[in-house]
């Protein structure tokens, strides 16, 4: 019944995970839509703010340009005599200022004393008279020398008038009233500025007089104090606006996609980690079951033979000796299994349990084969050795013993009875020495050779035998602790398995 329960838990987890992902994606999609809208609004607001700021600066620039354009005529007529006639020099000076139309010389009571150009007819005389009356009605500080401007709408067009004292030192010197050609001012001074602004801001801009209609679809900004009621009207290029909106939309969608991608990657990593934890739990459960079985077998034999001897059921001395030998071998086997598990645990936790000394590796192997050779023979196998003299190899005797015993056990389990185990030691290159243990058993498929080195993993052939699944994993770790390589290959003549540990020889000894 455990399998359906486990399957049911796994299914429920998958359903919960998928449901969570779907809900999260829907929530992120809704958030992304709101983010797109917010990005578009933010872009529109920032665009409006930037355009308004730019147009405000443009209005100040127009005001400064008009002030500079009106300055030369006032400088040319500075401190003149009120009855001064138009001399040749004055005429030539005025001809260099296309924006200039007329100047009236007024006394301190703002009555016309003279004008330039001279009055040609009664109509001009009426205009001059009307201009002076209009100037007298202006409200400004008459004690300053500053220029005061005002507009008049006459015969369907606007006239720009500027008034200033004739002398900054004599308050009774009278006034200068200059009529500027506003259309010429706009054409020569303002339009180039507007064209440059339109090019830089990617749009169209016009200077509208107070008679023009208000445009709700454009940015409207008052020009300056010189042209009261006039408006700068800016319309951005719709293609540029669409591009900006598109960029803002892509930015929001990119953020949403990135969040979804991160969430999916996180979900995959979470699922993968949970899957690995489950696999590891399964491996550990199998390991516990295998180790329990492995421990139970020698304990059962030890208990059975000990109980038989304790009850003195065996009177034959030779059989008692045989029983004692069995108890000793099983106790050694039990001790060896426990040591292997503890060593594997220590190595995994980063503990250093091996002390490498430059000693004779062949001598170490001879002692191991002599000690554990009986185990091989008792399994019905023949043990052969072919060990050459090799340079001293830095190794730990206990660690190498574990390597050989584990490989012996592996060969005993899978090599057929009556087979052979060959232990070889020889130098394979100038700086490498190979320790190899070969058998003529079923071997391990090439695709599984790296996989079976993992802890708790067992091949299909191994599944039919007892074992904890730690033997080859422990050999791999011991080899790594000796800075050596553990290699699994085909046995002699392509049969069986050849397990090799390749050690490095020190440069000075090679």
Protein backbone atom coordinates (compact mmCIF):
# COMPACT_ATOMS: atom_id res chain seq x y z
CA UNK A 1 0.00 0.00 0.00
CA UNK A 2 2.99 2.33 0.39
CA UNK A 3 3.48 2.87 -3.33
CA UNK A 4 -0.01 4.29 -4.01
CA UNK A 5 0.30 6.56 -0.97
CA UNK A 6 3.67 7.83 -2.15
CA UNK A 7 2.34 8.25 -5.67
CA UNK A 8 -0.68 10.11 -4.31
CA UNK A 9 1.53 12.52 -2.34
CA UNK A 10 3.70 13.15 -5.38
CA UNK A 11 0.61 13.72 -7.54
CA UNK A 12 -0.88 16.14 -5.02
CA UNK A 13 2.39 18.06 -4.87
CA UNK A 14 2.51 18.28 -8.68
CA UNK A 15 -1.09 19.55 -8.81
CA UNK A 16 -0.34 22.13 -6.12
CA UNK A 17 2.82 23.24 -7.93
CA UNK A 18 1.05 23.54 -11.31
CA UNK A 19 -1.87 25.40 -9.72
CA UNK A 20 0.53 27.76 -7.98
CA UNK A 21 2.34 28.40 -11.27
CA UNK A 22 -0.90 29.09 -13.16
CA UNK A 23 -2.21 31.44 -10.47
CA UNK A 24 1.16 33.18 -10.31
CA UNK A 25 1.31 33.59 -14.09
CA UNK A 26 -2.22 35.06 -14.15
CA UNK A 27 -1.30 37.42 -11.31
CA UNK A 28 1.92 38.43 -13.04
CA UNK A 29 0.04 38.94 -16.33
CA UNK A 30 -2.42 41.25 -14.56
CA UNK A 31 0.44 43.04 -12.86
CA UNK A 32 2.25 43.36 -16.22
CA UNK A 33 -0.83 44.93 -17.83
CA UNK A 34 -1.11 47.44 -15.00
CA UNK A 35 2.64 48.02 -15.25
CA UNK A 36 2.32 48.68 -18.99
CA UNK A 37 -0.41 51.22 -18.33
CA UNK A 38 1.62 52.81 -15.55
CA UNK A 39 4.70 52.93 -17.79
CA UNK A 40 2.69 54.59 -20.56
CA UNK A 41 1.24 57.14 -18.13
CA UNK A 42 4.66 57.76 -16.67
CA UNK A 43 6.09 58.21 -20.16
CA UNK A 44 3.31 60.63 -21.10
CA UNK A 45 3.79 62.60 -17.88
CA UNK A 46 7.57 62.74 -18.28
CA UNK A 47 7.15 63.71 -21.94
CA UNK A 48 4.70 66.50 -21.05
CA UNK A 49 6.99 67.70 -18.29
CA UNK A 50 10.04 67.68 -20.55
CA UNK A 51 8.16 69.45 -23.35
CA UNK A 52 6.75 72.07 -20.98
CA UNK A 53 10.18 72.72 -19.54
CA UNK A 54 11.69 73.02 -23.02
CA UNK A 55 8.93 75.38 -24.21
CA UNK A 56 9.32 77.53 -21.08
CA UNK A 57 13.00 77.92 -21.90
CA UNK A 58 12.06 78.69 -25.50
CA UNK A 59 9.67 81.45 -24.34
CA UNK A 60 12.49 83.01 -22.28
CA UNK A 61 14.78 82.78 -25.32
CA UNK A 62 12.19 84.54 -27.51
CA UNK A 63 11.80 87.28 -24.91
CA UNK A 64 15.57 87.77 -24.80
CA UNK A 65 15.79 87.77 -28.60
CA UNK A 66 13.09 90.45 -28.91
CA UNK A 67 14.81 92.60 -26.28
CA UNK A 68 18.10 92.36 -28.18
CA UNK A 69 16.38 93.13 -31.48
CA UNK A 70 14.79 96.32 -30.08
CA UNK A 71 17.98 97.62 -28.49
CA UNK A 72 19.83 99.08 -31.55
CA UNK A 73 17.22 101.73 -32.50
CA UNK A 74 17.08 103.04 -28.94
CA UNK A 75 20.89 103.19 -28.85
CA UNK A 76 20.93 105.01 -32.18
CA UNK A 77 18.52 107.68 -30.96
CA UNK A 78 19.99 107.93 -27.48
CA UNK A 79 20.10 111.49 -26.06
CA UNK A 80 19.08 113.19 -29.37
CA UNK A 81 17.71 116.66 -29.70
CA UNK A 82 13.92 116.51 -29.86
CA UNK A 83 13.83 118.82 -32.85
CA UNK A 84 16.62 117.04 -34.62
CA UNK A 85 15.91 116.37 -38.27
CA UNK A 86 16.78 113.08 -39.94
CA UNK A 87 20.37 113.43 -40.89
CA UNK A 88 22.10 111.25 -43.44
CA UNK A 89 23.84 109.25 -40.72
CA UNK A 90 20.55 108.52 -38.96
CA UNK A 91 18.94 107.46 -42.23
CA UNK A 92 21.76 105.06 -43.01
CA UNK A 93 21.65 103.65 -39.48
CA UNK A 94 17.91 102.98 -39.62
CA UNK A 95 18.22 101.26 -43.01
CA UNK A 96 20.38 98.57 -41.38
CA UNK A 97 17.47 97.57 -39.08
CA UNK A 98 14.69 95.98 -41.19
CA UNK A 99 12.48 95.55 -38.12
CA UNK A 100 12.31 99.32 -37.57
CA UNK A 101 9.21 101.22 -38.86
CA UNK A 102 8.98 104.62 -37.16
CA UNK A 103 10.24 106.65 -34.21
CA UNK A 104 8.38 109.51 -32.55
CA UNK A 105 10.22 112.08 -30.49
CA UNK A 106 7.93 113.14 -27.62
CA UNK A 107 8.33 115.87 -25.04
CA UNK A 108 8.01 115.17 -21.34
CA UNK A 109 4.22 115.48 -21.62
CA UNK A 110 4.19 112.90 -24.43
CA UNK A 111 3.32 115.29 -27.23
CA UNK A 112 4.86 114.69 -30.65
CA UNK A 113 7.77 116.96 -31.37
CA UNK A 114 9.03 115.23 -34.53
CA UNK A 115 9.12 111.83 -36.19
CA UNK A 116 11.26 109.71 -38.45
CA UNK A 117 10.64 108.99 -41.25
CA UNK A 118 8.93 112.34 -41.75
CA UNK A 119 5.14 112.40 -41.95
CA UNK A 120 3.97 112.14 -45.55
CA UNK A 121 0.19 112.55 -45.25
CA UNK A 122 -2.69 113.16 -42.89
CA UNK A 123 -3.17 109.44 -42.31
CA UNK A 124 0.33 109.07 -40.83
CA UNK A 125 -0.27 112.17 -38.73
CA UNK A 126 -3.43 110.55 -37.30
CA UNK A 127 -1.51 107.33 -36.56
CA UNK A 128 1.23 109.27 -34.78
CA UNK A 129 -1.31 111.17 -32.76
CA UNK A 130 -3.14 107.98 -31.83
CA UNK A 131 0.14 106.25 -30.83
CA UNK A 132 1.07 109.09 -28.48
CA UNK A 133 -2.37 109.06 -26.83
CA UNK A 134 -2.09 105.29 -26.43
CA UNK A 135 1.39 105.57 -24.91
CA UNK A 136 0.14 108.17 -22.44
CA UNK A 137 -2.43 105.69 -21.15
CA UNK A 138 0.17 102.97 -20.40
CA UNK A 139 0.77 102.22 -16.75
CA UNK A 140 4.49 101.84 -15.97
CA UNK A 141 7.17 103.38 -13.80
CA UNK A 142 7.92 106.68 -15.52
CA UNK A 143 10.96 107.33 -13.32
CA UNK A 144 12.99 104.43 -14.75
CA UNK A 145 15.02 104.25 -17.93
CA UNK A 146 13.71 100.79 -18.81
CA UNK A 147 11.98 100.03 -22.11
CA UNK A 148 8.22 99.55 -21.87
CA UNK A 149 6.47 97.61 -24.67
CA UNK A 150 2.81 97.23 -25.63
CA UNK A 151 0.78 95.87 -28.55
CA UNK A 152 -1.99 97.39 -30.63
CA UNK A 153 -4.27 95.64 -33.11
CA UNK A 154 -4.81 97.97 -36.07
CA UNK A 155 -6.31 97.19 -39.46
CA UNK A 156 -6.17 93.41 -38.95
CA UNK A 157 -2.59 93.20 -37.70
CA UNK A 158 -0.63 93.69 -34.51
CA UNK A 159 1.71 96.63 -34.01
CA UNK A 160 4.59 96.43 -31.52
CA UNK A 161 5.41 99.73 -29.75
CA UNK A 162 8.27 100.44 -27.34
CA UNK A 163 8.64 103.49 -25.12
CA UNK A 164 11.77 104.79 -23.33
CA UNK A 165 13.10 108.05 -21.93
CA UNK A 166 15.27 109.91 -24.41
CA UNK A 167 17.94 110.53 -21.76
CA UNK A 168 18.69 108.57 -18.66
CA UNK A 169 20.27 111.60 -17.02
CA UNK A 170 17.62 114.27 -17.76
CA UNK A 171 14.08 113.39 -16.58
CA UNK A 172 12.72 116.32 -18.63
CA UNK A 173 14.35 115.20 -21.86
CA UNK A 174 11.21 113.60 -23.26
CA UNK A 175 10.51 110.17 -24.72
CA UNK A 176 11.28 107.93 -27.64
CA UNK A 177 8.31 105.96 -29.02
CA UNK A 178 9.42 103.37 -31.59
CA UNK A 179 7.06 101.35 -33.77
CA UNK A 180 8.61 97.95 -34.75
CA UNK A 181 7.62 95.79 -37.67
CA UNK A 182 6.38 92.76 -35.69
CA UNK A 183 5.97 90.53 -38.75
CA UNK A 184 9.58 91.19 -39.76
CA UNK A 185 10.77 90.55 -36.22
CA UNK A 186 9.03 87.18 -36.18
CA UNK A 187 10.29 86.26 -39.63
CA UNK A 188 13.93 87.21 -39.10
CA UNK A 189 14.47 86.60 -35.38
CA UNK A 190 11.82 84.18 -34.06
CA UNK A 191 11.19 81.69 -36.89
CA UNK A 192 14.81 80.37 -37.00
CA UNK A 193 14.60 79.68 -33.26
CA UNK A 194 11.29 77.87 -33.71
CA UNK A 195 12.65 75.76 -36.58
CA UNK A 196 15.68 74.70 -34.53
CA UNK A 197 13.46 73.83 -31.57
CA UNK A 198 11.08 71.77 -33.73
CA UNK A 199 14.00 69.79 -35.15
CA UNK A 200 15.49 69.08 -31.73
CA UNK A 201 12.16 68.15 -30.16
CA UNK A 202 10.85 66.11 -33.13
CA UNK A 203 7.64 68.02 -33.72
CA UNK A 204 6.08 71.21 -35.05
CA UNK A 205 5.83 74.53 -33.22
CA UNK A 206 4.12 77.77 -34.15
CA UNK A 207 3.79 81.23 -32.59
CA UNK A 208 0.06 82.05 -32.48
CA UNK A 209 -1.40 85.51 -31.90
CA UNK A 210 -4.38 86.04 -29.59
CA UNK A 211 -6.77 85.73 -32.55
CA UNK A 212 -5.79 82.06 -33.22
CA UNK A 213 -7.93 79.16 -32.00
CA UNK A 214 -6.89 77.16 -28.92
CA UNK A 215 -5.59 73.66 -29.70
CA UNK A 216 -6.44 71.11 -27.00
CA UNK A 217 -4.23 68.44 -28.62
CA UNK A 218 -1.05 70.49 -28.36
CA UNK A 219 1.16 71.95 -25.65
CA UNK A 220 0.25 75.66 -25.32
CA UNK A 221 2.61 78.01 -23.54
CA UNK A 222 2.50 81.83 -23.15
CA UNK A 223 5.37 83.58 -24.90
CA UNK A 224 6.54 86.50 -22.80
CA UNK A 225 5.70 89.89 -21.42
CA UNK A 226 6.65 91.53 -24.75
CA UNK A 227 3.89 89.65 -26.61
CA UNK A 228 1.08 89.26 -24.06
CA UNK A 229 -1.63 86.88 -25.18
CA UNK A 230 0.57 85.16 -27.76
CA UNK A 231 1.11 81.40 -27.40
CA UNK A 232 3.70 78.87 -28.41
CA UNK A 233 1.86 75.80 -29.74
CA UNK A 234 3.90 72.59 -29.92
CA UNK A 235 2.77 69.29 -31.44
CA UNK A 236 5.18 66.34 -31.06
CA UNK A 237 5.74 64.00 -33.98
CA UNK A 238 3.16 61.17 -33.51
CA UNK A 239 5.68 58.62 -34.82
CA UNK A 240 8.17 59.60 -32.13
CA UNK A 241 5.45 59.42 -29.48
CA UNK A 242 4.45 55.96 -30.69
CA UNK A 243 8.09 54.87 -30.53
CA UNK A 244 8.36 56.12 -26.97
CA UNK A 245 5.12 54.37 -26.00
CA UNK A 246 6.34 51.22 -27.71
CA UNK A 247 9.59 51.37 -25.76
CA UNK A 248 7.72 51.90 -22.48
CA UNK A 249 5.44 48.96 -23.32
CA UNK A 250 8.38 46.73 -24.20
CA UNK A 251 10.09 47.72 -20.96
CA UNK A 252 7.06 46.74 -18.91
CA UNK A 253 6.57 43.51 -20.88
CA UNK A 254 10.25 42.72 -20.47
CA UNK A 255 9.98 43.16 -16.71
CA UNK A 256 6.91 40.93 -16.62
CA UNK A 257 8.57 38.30 -18.83
CA UNK A 258 11.69 38.40 -16.67
CA UNK A 259 9.58 37.89 -13.53
CA UNK A 260 7.75 34.95 -15.17
CA UNK A 261 11.05 33.47 -16.36
CA UNK A 262 12.62 33.82 -12.92
CA UNK A 263 9.53 32.26 -11.36
CA UNK A 264 9.56 29.35 -13.82
CA UNK A 265 13.27 28.81 -13.33
CA UNK A 266 12.78 28.95 -9.57
CA UNK A 267 9.87 26.51 -9.81
CA UNK A 268 11.96 24.17 -11.95
CA UNK A 269 14.89 24.38 -9.54
CA UNK A 270 12.52 23.78 -6.62
CA UNK A 271 10.93 20.80 -8.38
CA UNK A 272 14.35 19.45 -9.36
CA UNK A 273 15.66 19.86 -5.82
CA UNK A 274 12.60 18.11 -4.39
CA UNK A 275 13.00 15.34 -6.96
CA UNK A 276 16.66 14.95 -6.02
CA UNK A 277 15.76 14.91 -2.34
CA UNK A 278 13.21 12.18 -3.03
CA UNK A 279 15.71 10.18 -5.03
CA UNK A 280 18.26 10.63 -2.27
CA UNK A 281 15.67 9.57 0.31
CA UNK A 282 14.93 6.48 -1.78
CA UNK A 283 18.66 5.75 -2.05
CA UNK A 284 19.11 6.19 1.67
CA UNK A 285 16.15 3.94 2.39
CA UNK A 286 17.63 1.29 0.11
CA UNK A 287 21.01 1.81 1.73
CA UNK A 288 19.56 1.35 5.21
CA UNK A 289 17.75 -1.79 4.06
CA UNK A 290 20.89 -3.17 2.39
CA UNK A 291 23.15 -2.32 5.32
CA UNK A 292 20.64 -3.82 7.73
CA UNK A 293 20.63 -7.00 5.70
CA UNK A 294 24.42 -6.97 5.39
CA UNK A 295 24.82 -6.48 9.13
CA UNK A 296 22.20 -9.08 9.92
CA UNK A 297 23.94 -11.85 7.98
CA UNK A 298 27.28 -11.82 9.87
CA UNK A 299 25.50 -11.18 13.16
CA UNK A 300 23.27 -14.21 12.54
CA UNK A 301 26.28 -16.41 11.78
CA UNK A 302 28.22 -15.08 14.77
CA UNK A 303 25.26 -15.64 17.07
CA UNK A 304 24.52 -19.12 15.71
CA UNK A 305 28.09 -20.39 15.93
CA UNK A 306 28.69 -18.70 19.29
CA UNK A 307 25.50 -20.21 20.71
CA UNK A 308 26.52 -23.66 19.42
CA UNK A 309 29.93 -23.39 21.04
CA UNK A 310 28.48 -21.94 24.25
CA UNK A 311 26.09 -24.89 24.62
CA UNK A 312 28.99 -27.24 23.90
CA UNK A 313 27.10 -29.10 21.20
CA UNK A 314 30.29 -29.66 19.19
CA UNK A 315 32.78 -32.13 20.64
CA UNK A 316 35.04 -32.30 17.59
CA UNK A 317 38.02 -29.98 18.11
CA UNK A 318 38.48 -29.45 14.36
CA UNK A 319 34.85 -28.35 13.92
CA UNK A 320 35.12 -26.01 16.93
CA UNK A 321 38.19 -24.46 15.33
CA UNK A 322 36.29 -24.08 12.05
CA UNK A 323 33.40 -22.39 13.88
CA UNK A 324 35.77 -20.01 15.63
CA UNK A 325 37.38 -19.18 12.29
CA UNK A 326 33.95 -18.40 10.83
CA UNK A 327 33.11 -16.19 13.81
CA UNK A 328 36.39 -14.33 13.39
CA UNK A 329 35.90 -13.80 9.63
CA UNK A 330 32.31 -12.58 10.07
CA UNK A 331 33.39 -10.24 12.90
CA UNK A 332 36.11 -8.84 10.62
CA UNK A 333 33.55 -8.47 7.85
CA UNK A 334 31.16 -6.69 10.20
CA UNK A 335 33.92 -4.40 11.44
CA UNK A 336 35.01 -3.69 7.87
CA UNK A 337 31.47 -2.76 6.80
CA UNK A 338 31.05 -0.38 9.73
CA UNK A 339 34.45 1.22 9.01
CA UNK A 340 33.50 1.68 5.34
CA UNK A 341 30.27 3.48 6.22
CA UNK A 342 32.04 5.70 8.77
CA UNK A 343 34.87 6.52 6.34
CA UNK A 344 32.39 7.38 3.60
CA UNK A 345 30.52 9.68 5.97
CA UNK A 346 33.72 11.40 7.15
CA UNK A 347 34.98 11.99 3.61
CA UNK A 348 31.60 13.42 2.55
CA UNK A 349 31.75 15.83 5.49
CA UNK A 350 35.19 17.02 4.43
CA UNK A 351 37.13 15.19 7.11
CA UNK A 352 40.74 14.23 6.35
CA UNK A 353 41.18 10.61 7.42
CA UNK A 354 44.13 9.52 5.27
CA UNK A 355 47.80 10.31 5.91
CA UNK A 356 49.91 9.94 2.77
CA UNK A 357 53.48 8.65 3.15
CA UNK A 358 56.01 7.97 0.39
CA UNK A 359 56.34 4.21 0.96
CA UNK A 360 56.57 1.12 -1.20
CA UNK A 361 53.12 0.56 -2.75
CA UNK A 362 54.06 -2.97 -3.89
CA UNK A 363 54.83 -3.98 -0.31
CA UNK A 364 51.45 -2.64 0.83
CA UNK A 365 49.68 -4.65 -1.86
CA UNK A 366 51.54 -7.85 -0.95
CA UNK A 367 50.35 -7.55 2.64
CA UNK A 368 46.76 -6.94 1.55
CA UNK A 369 46.67 -9.86 -0.90
CA UNK A 370 48.21 -12.20 1.67
CA UNK A 371 45.73 -11.15 4.34
CA UNK A 372 42.59 -11.21 2.20
CA UNK A 373 43.64 -13.82 -0.34
CA UNK A 374 41.95 -16.54 1.67
CA UNK A 375 38.62 -14.78 1.24
CA UNK A 376 39.07 -14.95 -2.55
CA UNK A 377 40.02 -18.63 -2.46
CA UNK A 378 37.11 -19.44 -0.13
CA UNK A 379 34.77 -17.97 -2.78
CA UNK A 380 36.10 -20.48 -5.33
CA UNK A 381 38.21 -17.97 -7.24
CA UNK A 382 41.87 -18.04 -8.17
CA UNK A 383 44.05 -15.07 -7.22
CA UNK A 384 47.03 -14.10 -9.37
CA UNK A 385 49.41 -11.16 -8.87
CA UNK A 386 51.86 -9.43 -11.19
CA UNK A 387 53.41 -6.49 -9.36
CA UNK A 388 56.45 -4.64 -10.66
CA UNK A 389 58.84 -2.49 -8.67
CA UNK A 390 57.64 1.11 -8.89
CA UNK A 391 58.86 4.41 -7.40
CA UNK A 392 57.59 5.31 -3.92
CA UNK A 393 53.96 6.45 -4.10
CA UNK A 394 52.43 8.73 -1.46
CA UNK A 395 49.62 6.60 -0.04
CA UNK A 396 47.81 5.60 3.12
CA UNK A 397 48.08 1.84 3.88
CA UNK A 398 44.64 1.66 5.44
CA UNK A 399 43.08 3.51 2.50
CA UNK A 400 44.74 1.26 -0.09
CA UNK A 401 43.63 -1.78 1.92
CA UNK A 402 40.05 -0.53 1.71
CA UNK A 403 40.41 -0.04 -2.06
CA UNK A 404 41.70 -3.56 -2.65
CA UNK A 405 39.20 -5.22 -0.29
CA UNK A 406 36.27 -3.38 -1.87
CA UNK A 407 37.39 -4.38 -5.37
CA UNK A 408 37.94 -7.96 -4.13
CA UNK A 409 34.41 -8.04 -2.72
CA UNK A 410 33.05 -6.61 -5.98
CA UNK A 411 34.87 -9.33 -8.00
CA UNK A 412 33.81 -12.11 -5.61
CA UNK A 413 30.13 -11.09 -5.91
CA UNK A 414 30.02 -10.90 -9.70
CA UNK A 415 32.84 -13.15 -11.00
CA UNK A 416 31.74 -16.73 -11.67
CA UNK A 417 32.94 -19.47 -9.34
CA UNK A 418 36.12 -20.99 -10.68
CA UNK A 419 37.08 -17.70 -12.25
CA UNK A 420 40.17 -15.64 -11.74
CA UNK A 421 41.10 -12.32 -10.10
CA UNK A 422 44.32 -10.68 -11.27
CA UNK A 423 46.08 -7.94 -9.28
CA UNK A 424 48.67 -5.96 -11.28
CA UNK A 425 50.93 -3.04 -10.44
CA UNK A 426 53.07 -1.44 -13.12
CA UNK A 427 54.25 1.85 -14.49
CA UNK A 428 52.16 2.94 -17.50
CA UNK A 429 54.04 6.17 -18.32
CA UNK A 430 56.84 8.36 -17.09
CA UNK A 431 54.79 9.87 -14.30
CA UNK A 432 51.92 7.40 -13.70
CA UNK A 433 51.60 4.04 -11.92
CA UNK A 434 48.53 1.81 -12.30
CA UNK A 435 47.05 -0.52 -9.69
CA UNK A 436 44.50 -2.79 -11.44
CA UNK A 437 42.20 -5.59 -10.27
CA UNK A 438 40.66 -7.62 -13.09
CA UNK A 439 38.02 -10.37 -13.13
CA UNK A 440 36.16 -12.40 -15.76
CA UNK A 441 32.64 -11.69 -14.45
CA UNK A 442 29.74 -10.01 -16.31
CA UNK A 443 31.40 -6.59 -16.16
CA UNK A 444 29.64 -3.23 -16.20
CA UNK A 445 28.14 -1.62 -19.30
CA UNK A 446 30.13 1.40 -20.51
CA UNK A 447 27.11 3.68 -20.14
CA UNK A 448 26.77 2.73 -16.44
CA UNK A 449 30.41 2.97 -15.36
CA UNK A 450 30.27 6.54 -14.10
CA UNK A 451 26.80 6.09 -12.66
CA UNK A 452 27.71 3.10 -10.46
CA UNK A 453 30.48 5.15 -8.82
CA UNK A 454 27.78 7.20 -7.10
CA UNK A 455 26.85 6.31 -3.55
CA UNK A 456 23.93 3.92 -3.08
CA UNK A 457 23.64 3.29 -6.85
CA UNK A 458 23.73 -0.34 -8.03
CA UNK A 459 23.65 -1.90 -11.48
CA UNK A 460 21.04 -4.42 -12.58
CA UNK A 461 23.45 -7.28 -11.88
CA UNK A 462 24.22 -5.84 -8.45
CA UNK A 463 20.55 -5.65 -7.56
CA UNK A 464 20.44 -9.45 -7.46
CA UNK A 465 23.16 -9.61 -4.78
CA UNK A 466 23.62 -8.22 -1.32
CA UNK A 467 25.47 -4.98 -0.67
CA UNK A 468 25.06 -1.39 0.49
CA UNK A 469 26.04 0.31 -2.76
CA UNK A 470 29.04 2.05 -1.19
CA UNK A 471 31.95 -0.06 -2.47
CA UNK A 472 32.82 1.70 -5.75
CA UNK A 473 31.79 5.12 -4.37
CA UNK A 474 34.24 4.66 -1.49
CA UNK A 475 37.01 3.57 -3.91
CA UNK A 476 36.34 6.73 -5.95
CA UNK A 477 36.66 8.91 -2.85
CA UNK A 478 39.82 7.20 -1.60
CA UNK A 479 41.42 7.56 -5.04
CA UNK A 480 40.55 11.29 -5.06
CA UNK A 481 42.09 11.63 -1.58
CA UNK A 482 45.30 10.15 -3.06
CA UNK A 483 45.20 12.55 -6.05
CA UNK A 484 44.63 9.47 -8.22
CA UNK A 485 42.09 8.51 -10.89
CA UNK A 486 39.64 5.62 -10.54
CA UNK A 487 38.81 4.03 -13.91
CA UNK A 488 36.44 1.20 -14.85
CA UNK A 489 37.17 -0.59 -18.12
CA UNK A 490 36.70 -3.92 -19.87
CA UNK A 491 38.59 -6.90 -18.44
CA UNK A 492 41.13 -9.13 -20.23
CA UNK A 493 40.13 -10.02 -23.79
CA UNK A 494 37.05 -7.79 -23.46
CA UNK A 495 35.53 -9.97 -20.73
CA UNK A 496 34.82 -9.05 -17.13
CA UNK A 497 35.82 -5.82 -15.47
CA UNK A 498 39.10 -4.03 -14.96
CA UNK A 499 39.11 -1.57 -12.04
CA UNK A 500 42.19 0.70 -12.04
CA UNK A 501 43.57 3.32 -9.71
CA UNK A 502 46.19 5.46 -11.47
CA UNK A 503 48.65 7.26 -9.15
CA UNK A 504 50.92 10.18 -9.97
CA UNK A 505 54.69 9.78 -9.56
CA UNK A 506 56.62 12.74 -8.19
CA UNK A 507 58.65 14.63 -10.77
CA UNK A 508 61.96 14.02 -9.02
CA UNK A 509 61.30 10.28 -9.01
CA UNK A 510 60.10 9.93 -12.58
